[in-house]
Amino acid sequence: MCEALRELFADELEEREVVGIQKGIEQGIVESILELLNEIGDIPTHLKETIFNQSNSAILKSWLKIAARANSIEGFTNEIQKSPQ
């Protein structure tokens, strides 16, 4: 019976797995951005919220690159405001 249920819900389970993996990737990118920014200064709460609330992987990847090059929190903030969202 378990196998029959697994087959019945296979598509839904696969979709949930894909979504879970994507969310994990996004969370990893967010954590990497915050880690890089912590190296250059204190991150204001509003900026942390902006980063945590972003769910577009392409934008997060772009922000990660900006964070890697940033010399200041203000510089990072200015650059992400210029980038497409």
Protein backbone atom coordinates (compact mmCIF):
# COMPACT_ATOMS: atom_id res chain seq x y z
CA MET A 1 0.00 0.00 0.00
CA CYS A 2 2.86 2.39 0.79
CA GLU A 3 4.25 1.98 -2.71
CA ALA A 4 0.84 2.71 -4.23
CA LEU A 5 0.55 5.92 -2.21
CA ARG A 6 4.07 6.91 -3.15
CA GLU A 7 3.23 6.45 -6.84
CA LEU A 8 -0.04 8.34 -6.44
CA PHE A 9 1.68 11.35 -4.87
CA ALA A 10 4.98 11.09 -6.77
CA ASP A 11 4.54 14.34 -8.71
CA GLU A 12 3.55 16.31 -5.64
CA LEU A 13 6.42 14.88 -3.61
CA GLU A 14 8.90 15.63 -6.37
CA GLU A 15 7.62 19.21 -6.63
CA ARG A 16 7.96 19.68 -2.87
CA GLU A 17 11.48 18.30 -2.99
CA VAL A 18 12.44 20.73 -5.76
CA VAL A 19 10.92 23.65 -3.83
CA GLY A 20 12.74 22.56 -0.68
CA ILE A 21 16.06 22.36 -2.48
CA GLN A 22 15.53 25.79 -4.03
CA LYS A 23 14.68 27.31 -0.65
CA GLY A 24 17.81 25.73 0.82
CA ILE A 25 19.94 27.23 -1.93
CA GLU A 26 18.37 30.65 -1.38
CA GLN A 27 18.97 30.41 2.37
CA GLY A 28 22.61 29.50 1.76
CA ILE A 29 23.09 32.52 -0.50
CA VAL A 30 21.42 34.80 2.08
CA GLU A 31 23.72 33.48 4.80
CA SER A 32 26.76 34.01 2.57
CA ILE A 33 25.74 37.60 1.82
CA LEU A 34 25.28 38.33 5.51
CA GLU A 35 28.60 36.70 6.39
CA LEU A 36 30.45 38.83 3.84
CA LEU A 37 28.71 42.00 5.00
CA ASN A 38 29.46 41.25 8.66
CA GLU A 39 33.14 41.35 7.71
CA ILE A 40 32.85 45.01 6.70
CA GLY A 41 30.44 46.40 9.29
CA ASP A 42 27.25 46.19 11.27
CA ILE A 43 24.27 45.34 9.10
CA PRO A 44 21.22 47.51 9.79
CA THR A 45 18.02 45.63 10.59
CA HIS A 46 16.20 47.00 7.55
CA LEU A 47 18.96 45.72 5.25
CA LYS A 48 18.88 42.27 6.86
CA GLU A 49 15.11 42.20 6.31
CA THR A 50 15.54 43.21 2.68
CA ILE A 51 18.04 40.41 2.14
CA PHE A 52 15.95 37.81 4.02
CA ASN A 53 12.79 38.78 2.13
CA GLN A 54 14.36 38.40 -1.32
CA SER A 55 13.36 35.07 -2.83
CA ASN A 56 14.60 35.51 -6.39
CA SER A 57 17.73 33.36 -6.74
CA ALA A 58 19.11 35.43 -9.61
CA ILE A 59 18.87 38.62 -7.58
CA LEU A 60 20.41 36.93 -4.53
CA LYS A 61 23.32 35.68 -6.66
CA SER A 62 23.81 39.21 -7.97
CA TRP A 63 23.77 40.58 -4.42
CA LEU A 64 26.30 37.94 -3.35
CA LYS A 65 28.72 39.19 -6.00
CA ILE A 66 28.10 42.78 -4.91
CA ALA A 67 28.70 41.81 -1.27
CA ALA A 68 31.97 40.13 -2.23
CA ARG A 69 33.21 43.37 -3.83
CA ALA A 70 31.74 45.80 -1.30
CA ASN A 71 34.02 47.94 0.85
CA SER A 72 31.21 49.21 3.07
CA ILE A 73 27.62 48.48 4.03
CA GLU A 74 26.62 51.76 2.43
CA GLY A 75 28.37 50.79 -0.80
CA PHE A 76 26.54 47.46 -0.85
CA THR A 77 23.21 49.16 -0.18
CA ASN A 78 23.79 51.68 -2.97
CA GLU A 79 24.71 48.94 -5.44
CA ILE A 80 21.73 46.70 -4.73
CA GLN A 81 19.41 49.69 -5.10
CA LYS A 82 20.79 50.18 -8.60
CA SER A 83 20.40 46.52 -9.56
CA PRO A 84 17.18 45.28 -11.17
CA GLN A 85 14.69 43.78 -8.75
